[in-house]
């Protein structure tokens, strides 16, 4: 299971987002140009893996996608945000800031609850994880602008720190286990015919707790960026499916009114959570807020 999680995360996250480094914001300084397409693909992937190990900020990873893929993502966000009432969006970002302050202030108590087997938060993270999550929530609250997102400008979204984000926490945990023991090289020739323009790379990983794993991935150039062949094949279907979901999303006036009216209640709950003196008091506050959400049909 650990091997499967590692391979899926590295290939879908690191390679899928950060594979095409040929035009990355950080050039390969003073290095000779790759002599073959295979070496070019390898150099791109090694840069992508290095970006993930070094923090993998969203802006850099976004820049490494083919330009048309970037445009697809901008269009999806633009459509979704355009359907949200401006006042409700502003209230939601304010609540994210409040939530960030509460989680940061209660990181120790949250970690205490996460260490209890019978707690709903069991295994959710360490104090460091919760503190990072609080900072990430606060950054969401202060950094997201509806006007920019509705215009297709993702700069605020892409400037969010990776640490603390749900995916970011999983990647950080993965890196703690596997460390720097991930290598990539040109796959040996197996004698099988290859598609023109496709390069095969071999990934190996070692972990003291999870053993060894390896897999071969085929890469192809799209708009000058090296990305997994499977990603290139599946992107149109994923894009069209995501667009259909966004197009079908409607936040009607009734739900907008309900959510807007719930804002003061949520803000008061977050204030009480922030001021909780013990882990049990915090747990009671969280449980009460979730129960109230369920009663209002919001959870």
Protein backbone atom coordinates (compact mmCIF):
# COMPACT_ATOMS: atom_id res chain seq x y z
CA UNK A 1 0.00 0.00 0.00
CA UNK A 2 2.82 2.40 0.90
CA UNK A 3 4.47 1.77 -2.46
CA UNK A 4 1.20 2.41 -4.29
CA UNK A 5 0.67 5.68 -2.43
CA UNK A 6 4.21 6.76 -3.22
CA UNK A 7 4.02 5.97 -6.92
CA UNK A 8 0.57 7.46 -7.37
CA UNK A 9 1.49 10.66 -5.56
CA UNK A 10 4.83 11.18 -7.28
CA UNK A 11 3.51 10.43 -10.74
CA UNK A 12 0.22 12.29 -10.46
CA UNK A 13 1.52 15.16 -8.35
CA UNK A 14 5.19 15.71 -9.03
CA UNK A 15 5.33 14.46 -12.59
CA UNK A 16 1.90 15.50 -13.72
CA UNK A 17 2.36 19.05 -12.47
CA UNK A 18 6.09 19.57 -12.61
CA UNK A 19 7.35 17.41 -15.43
CA UNK A 20 7.75 20.00 -18.19
CA UNK A 21 10.63 22.08 -17.01
CA UNK A 22 11.97 23.02 -20.42
CA UNK A 23 10.62 26.56 -19.95
CA UNK A 24 10.57 26.67 -16.16
CA UNK A 25 11.08 29.92 -14.28
CA UNK A 26 14.40 28.59 -12.93
CA UNK A 27 16.64 27.73 -15.92
CA UNK A 28 19.28 25.07 -15.90
CA UNK A 29 22.19 27.44 -15.39
CA UNK A 30 25.43 26.73 -17.17
CA UNK A 31 24.45 23.20 -18.15
CA UNK A 32 24.92 21.79 -21.63
CA UNK A 33 21.73 21.31 -23.62
CA UNK A 34 20.51 17.69 -23.59
CA UNK A 35 21.85 15.80 -26.58
CA UNK A 36 18.78 13.61 -27.16
CA UNK A 37 15.01 13.86 -26.55
CA UNK A 38 15.34 11.22 -23.86
CA UNK A 39 17.94 13.29 -22.02
CA UNK A 40 15.71 16.35 -22.38
CA UNK A 41 12.79 14.48 -20.81
CA UNK A 42 15.04 13.22 -18.03
CA UNK A 43 16.37 16.71 -17.29
CA UNK A 44 12.81 18.04 -17.16
CA UNK A 45 11.64 15.38 -14.73
CA UNK A 46 14.69 15.78 -12.51
CA UNK A 47 13.97 19.51 -12.31
CA UNK A 48 10.36 18.75 -11.47
CA UNK A 49 11.28 16.35 -8.69
CA UNK A 50 13.77 18.87 -7.37
CA UNK A 51 11.01 21.49 -7.28
CA UNK A 52 8.79 19.15 -5.26
CA UNK A 53 11.56 18.35 -2.80
CA UNK A 54 12.39 22.04 -2.48
CA UNK A 55 8.86 23.11 -1.60
CA UNK A 56 7.07 22.97 -4.93
CA UNK A 57 5.23 26.30 -4.79
CA UNK A 58 2.06 26.28 -6.86
CA UNK A 59 3.13 29.18 -9.07
CA UNK A 60 6.23 27.38 -10.25
CA UNK A 61 4.39 24.12 -10.83
CA UNK A 62 1.68 25.94 -12.78
CA UNK A 63 4.31 27.54 -15.01
CA UNK A 64 5.60 24.08 -15.91
CA UNK A 65 2.32 22.95 -17.44
CA UNK A 66 1.68 23.33 -21.18
CA UNK A 67 0.23 26.77 -21.90
CA UNK A 68 -3.11 25.39 -23.07
CA UNK A 69 -3.44 23.38 -19.83
CA UNK A 70 -2.83 26.57 -17.86
CA UNK A 71 -5.58 28.26 -19.87
CA UNK A 72 -7.95 25.35 -19.15
CA UNK A 73 -7.38 25.71 -15.40
CA UNK A 74 -7.88 29.48 -15.53
CA UNK A 75 -11.15 29.02 -17.41
CA UNK A 76 -12.43 26.50 -14.84
CA UNK A 77 -11.67 28.77 -11.90
CA UNK A 78 -13.02 31.82 -13.70
CA UNK A 79 -16.34 30.08 -14.41
CA UNK A 80 -16.72 28.70 -10.88
CA UNK A 81 -15.90 31.94 -9.05
CA UNK A 82 -18.16 33.94 -11.35
CA UNK A 83 -21.12 32.02 -9.96
CA UNK A 84 -20.46 33.06 -6.36
CA UNK A 85 -22.08 36.21 -4.95
CA UNK A 86 -19.37 38.87 -4.30
CA UNK A 87 -20.56 39.60 -0.75
CA UNK A 88 -20.65 35.89 0.09
CA UNK A 89 -17.15 35.41 -1.33
CA UNK A 90 -15.85 38.28 0.80
CA UNK A 91 -17.50 36.81 3.89
CA UNK A 92 -16.05 33.37 3.13
CA UNK A 93 -12.50 34.69 2.81
CA UNK A 94 -12.98 36.54 6.10
CA UNK A 95 -14.01 33.28 7.75
CA UNK A 96 -10.93 31.56 6.31
CA UNK A 97 -8.77 34.19 8.03
CA UNK A 98 -10.64 33.65 11.30
CA UNK A 99 -10.30 29.87 10.93
CA UNK A 100 -6.58 30.26 10.30
CA UNK A 101 -6.17 32.24 13.50
CA UNK A 102 -8.17 29.66 15.48
CA UNK A 103 -6.26 26.66 14.13
CA UNK A 104 -2.90 28.33 14.67
CA UNK A 105 -3.80 29.31 18.23
CA UNK A 106 -5.08 25.80 19.02
CA UNK A 107 -2.40 23.79 17.17
CA UNK A 108 -1.24 22.18 20.40
CA UNK A 109 -4.73 21.16 21.52
CA UNK A 110 -5.59 19.89 18.03
CA UNK A 111 -2.45 17.75 18.03
CA UNK A 112 -3.44 16.44 21.46
CA UNK A 113 -6.83 15.38 20.08
CA UNK A 114 -5.15 13.86 17.03
CA UNK A 115 -3.16 11.65 19.37
CA UNK A 116 -6.29 10.14 20.94
CA UNK A 117 -7.55 6.93 19.35
CA UNK A 118 -11.23 7.71 19.99
CA UNK A 119 -11.10 11.31 18.76
CA UNK A 120 -12.63 12.33 15.40
CA UNK A 121 -9.25 13.96 14.72
CA UNK A 122 -7.26 10.80 15.48
CA UNK A 123 -4.13 10.69 13.32
CA UNK A 124 -4.90 14.03 11.66
CA UNK A 125 -1.46 15.51 12.22
CA UNK A 126 1.16 16.97 14.51
CA UNK A 127 1.25 20.39 16.15
CA UNK A 128 3.55 21.49 13.32
CA UNK A 129 1.03 20.24 10.75
CA UNK A 130 -1.85 22.12 12.37
CA UNK A 131 0.20 25.29 12.69
CA UNK A 132 1.03 25.09 8.98
CA UNK A 133 -2.64 24.48 8.20
CA UNK A 134 -3.61 27.58 10.18
CA UNK A 135 -1.11 29.68 8.28
CA UNK A 136 -2.41 28.26 4.99
CA UNK A 137 -6.04 29.08 5.88
CA UNK A 138 -5.05 32.61 6.85
CA UNK A 139 -3.17 32.98 3.56
CA UNK A 140 -6.29 31.86 1.70
CA UNK A 141 -8.33 34.48 3.50
CA UNK A 142 -5.94 37.32 2.77
CA UNK A 143 -4.66 36.28 -0.66
CA UNK A 144 -7.76 35.32 -2.64
CA UNK A 145 -9.45 38.07 -4.65
CA UNK A 146 -12.78 37.32 -6.31
CA UNK A 147 -12.24 40.04 -8.93
CA UNK A 148 -8.89 38.56 -9.99
CA UNK A 149 -10.11 34.97 -10.00
CA UNK A 150 -13.26 35.90 -11.93
CA UNK A 151 -11.01 37.53 -14.54
CA UNK A 152 -8.96 34.34 -14.86
CA UNK A 153 -6.01 35.71 -12.87
CA UNK A 154 -4.77 32.87 -10.67
CA UNK A 155 -1.81 34.73 -9.15
CA UNK A 156 -3.39 34.93 -5.69
CA UNK A 157 -4.33 31.27 -5.72
CA UNK A 158 -0.93 30.19 -7.00
CA UNK A 159 0.93 32.23 -4.38
CA UNK A 160 -0.57 30.20 -1.54
CA UNK A 161 1.99 28.19 0.43
CA UNK A 162 1.98 24.45 -0.23
CA UNK A 163 2.66 23.59 3.39
CA UNK A 164 -0.58 23.25 5.28
CA UNK A 165 -2.74 22.60 2.23
CA UNK A 166 -4.46 19.18 2.26
CA UNK A 167 -2.37 17.90 -0.67
CA UNK A 168 0.68 19.65 0.70
CA UNK A 169 0.42 17.81 4.00
CA UNK A 170 0.26 14.47 2.20
CA UNK A 171 3.30 15.31 0.09
CA UNK A 172 5.22 16.49 3.15
CA UNK A 173 4.44 13.23 4.92
CA UNK A 174 5.53 11.31 1.83
CA UNK A 175 8.82 13.18 1.69
CA UNK A 176 9.49 12.50 5.37
CA UNK A 177 9.19 8.78 4.62
CA UNK A 178 10.97 8.57 1.28
CA UNK A 179 13.31 11.54 1.69
CA UNK A 180 15.62 12.15 -1.24
CA UNK A 181 15.78 8.47 -2.18
CA UNK A 182 13.97 8.91 -5.48
CA UNK A 183 15.98 8.51 -8.67
CA UNK A 184 15.10 8.75 -12.34
CA UNK A 185 17.00 7.48 -15.36
CA UNK A 186 16.46 6.53 -18.97
CA UNK A 187 14.66 3.20 -19.09
CA UNK A 188 16.72 0.38 -20.61
CA UNK A 189 15.75 -0.75 -24.09
CA UNK A 190 13.42 -3.71 -23.71
CA UNK A 191 13.32 -4.43 -27.43
CA UNK A 192 9.68 -3.40 -27.74
CA UNK A 193 8.71 -0.91 -30.47
CA UNK A 194 8.13 2.63 -29.22
CA UNK A 195 5.79 5.32 -30.44
CA UNK A 196 7.51 8.17 -32.23
CA UNK A 197 8.19 11.10 -29.91
CA UNK A 198 7.70 9.03 -26.73
CA UNK A 199 10.51 8.63 -24.19
CA UNK A 200 10.55 6.04 -21.37
CA UNK A 201 11.95 6.87 -17.93
CA UNK A 202 12.58 4.53 -15.02
CA UNK A 203 11.77 5.73 -11.49
CA UNK A 204 13.24 4.04 -8.43
CA UNK A 205 12.61 4.75 -4.75
CA UNK A 206 13.86 3.35 -1.48
CA UNK A 207 12.47 3.69 2.03
CA UNK A 208 13.58 2.17 5.31
CA UNK A 209 9.93 1.54 6.22
CA UNK A 210 8.33 0.78 2.84
CA UNK A 211 11.09 -1.00 0.96
CA UNK A 212 11.81 -0.43 -2.72
CA UNK A 213 9.60 0.38 -5.67
CA UNK A 214 10.17 1.13 -9.34
CA UNK A 215 8.07 1.89 -12.39
CA UNK A 216 8.53 2.95 -16.02
CA UNK A 217 6.65 5.99 -17.28
CA UNK A 218 6.33 7.17 -20.87
CA UNK A 219 6.72 10.89 -21.57
CA UNK A 220 5.78 13.06 -24.52
CA UNK A 221 6.28 16.71 -25.44
CA UNK A 222 3.20 18.94 -25.43
CA UNK A 223 3.80 22.55 -26.44
CA UNK A 224 7.46 22.14 -25.58
CA UNK A 225 6.82 20.65 -22.12
CA UNK A 226 7.60 17.03 -21.24
CA UNK A 227 4.64 15.43 -19.45
CA UNK A 228 3.49 11.83 -18.89
CA UNK A 229 1.90 10.33 -22.00
CA UNK A 230 -1.05 9.15 -19.93
CA UNK A 231 -1.65 12.68 -18.70
CA UNK A 232 -1.57 14.02 -22.26
CA UNK A 233 -4.09 11.40 -23.35
CA UNK A 234 -6.47 11.91 -20.43
CA UNK A 235 -6.30 15.70 -20.08
CA UNK A 236 -9.08 16.49 -22.63
CA UNK A 237 -11.48 14.10 -20.92
CA UNK A 238 -10.59 15.42 -17.46
CA UNK A 239 -10.92 19.04 -18.63
CA UNK A 240 -14.30 18.47 -20.27
CA UNK A 241 -15.61 16.57 -17.24
CA UNK A 242 -14.46 19.29 -14.84
CA UNK A 243 -15.95 21.98 -17.05
CA UNK A 244 -19.28 20.14 -17.13
CA UNK A 245 -19.30 19.97 -13.33
CA UNK A 246 -18.54 23.68 -13.03
CA UNK A 247 -21.13 24.60 -15.67
CA UNK A 248 -23.76 22.58 -13.79
CA UNK A 249 -22.98 24.22 -10.44
CA UNK A 250 -25.54 26.80 -9.36
CA UNK A 251 -25.65 28.63 -6.04
CA UNK A 252 -29.27 29.80 -5.98
CA UNK A 253 -30.53 32.84 -4.09
CA UNK A 254 -31.98 30.71 -1.29
CA UNK A 255 -28.71 28.95 -0.55
CA UNK A 256 -26.77 32.21 -0.88
CA UNK A 257 -29.10 33.79 1.69
CA UNK A 258 -28.74 30.82 4.06
CA UNK A 259 -24.97 30.84 3.82
CA UNK A 260 -24.77 34.61 4.30
CA UNK A 261 -26.97 34.43 7.40
CA UNK A 262 -24.75 31.68 8.83
CA UNK A 263 -21.61 33.84 8.68
CA UNK A 264 -22.04 35.60 12.08
CA UNK A 265 -22.72 32.25 13.77
CA UNK A 266 -19.61 30.67 12.25
CA UNK A 267 -17.49 33.66 13.21
CA UNK A 268 -18.68 33.39 16.83
CA UNK A 269 -17.91 29.64 16.83
CA UNK A 270 -14.41 30.26 15.52
CA UNK A 271 -13.87 32.88 18.20
CA UNK A 272 -14.93 30.40 20.88
CA UNK A 273 -12.64 27.75 19.40
CA UNK A 274 -9.72 30.17 19.40
CA UNK A 275 -10.26 30.94 23.09
CA UNK A 276 -10.76 27.33 24.27
CA UNK A 277 -8.53 26.60 27.27
CA UNK A 278 -8.30 22.81 26.97
CA UNK A 279 -8.40 20.15 24.26
CA UNK A 280 -11.73 18.83 25.56
CA UNK A 281 -13.25 22.31 25.51
CA UNK A 282 -12.04 22.75 21.95
CA UNK A 283 -13.50 19.37 20.96
CA UNK A 284 -16.86 20.38 22.45
CA UNK A 285 -16.83 23.64 20.46
CA UNK A 286 -16.05 21.82 17.21
CA UNK A 287 -18.72 19.18 17.86
CA UNK A 288 -21.30 21.86 18.60
CA UNK A 289 -20.51 23.77 15.43
CA UNK A 290 -20.74 20.64 13.27
CA UNK A 291 -24.08 19.73 14.87
CA UNK A 292 -25.41 23.24 14.18
CA UNK A 293 -24.28 22.99 10.57
CA UNK A 294 -26.11 19.70 10.21
CA UNK A 295 -29.27 21.22 11.70
CA UNK A 296 -29.10 24.08 9.19
CA UNK A 297 -28.55 21.66 6.33
CA UNK A 298 -25.06 22.98 5.63
CA UNK A 299 -23.16 19.83 6.56
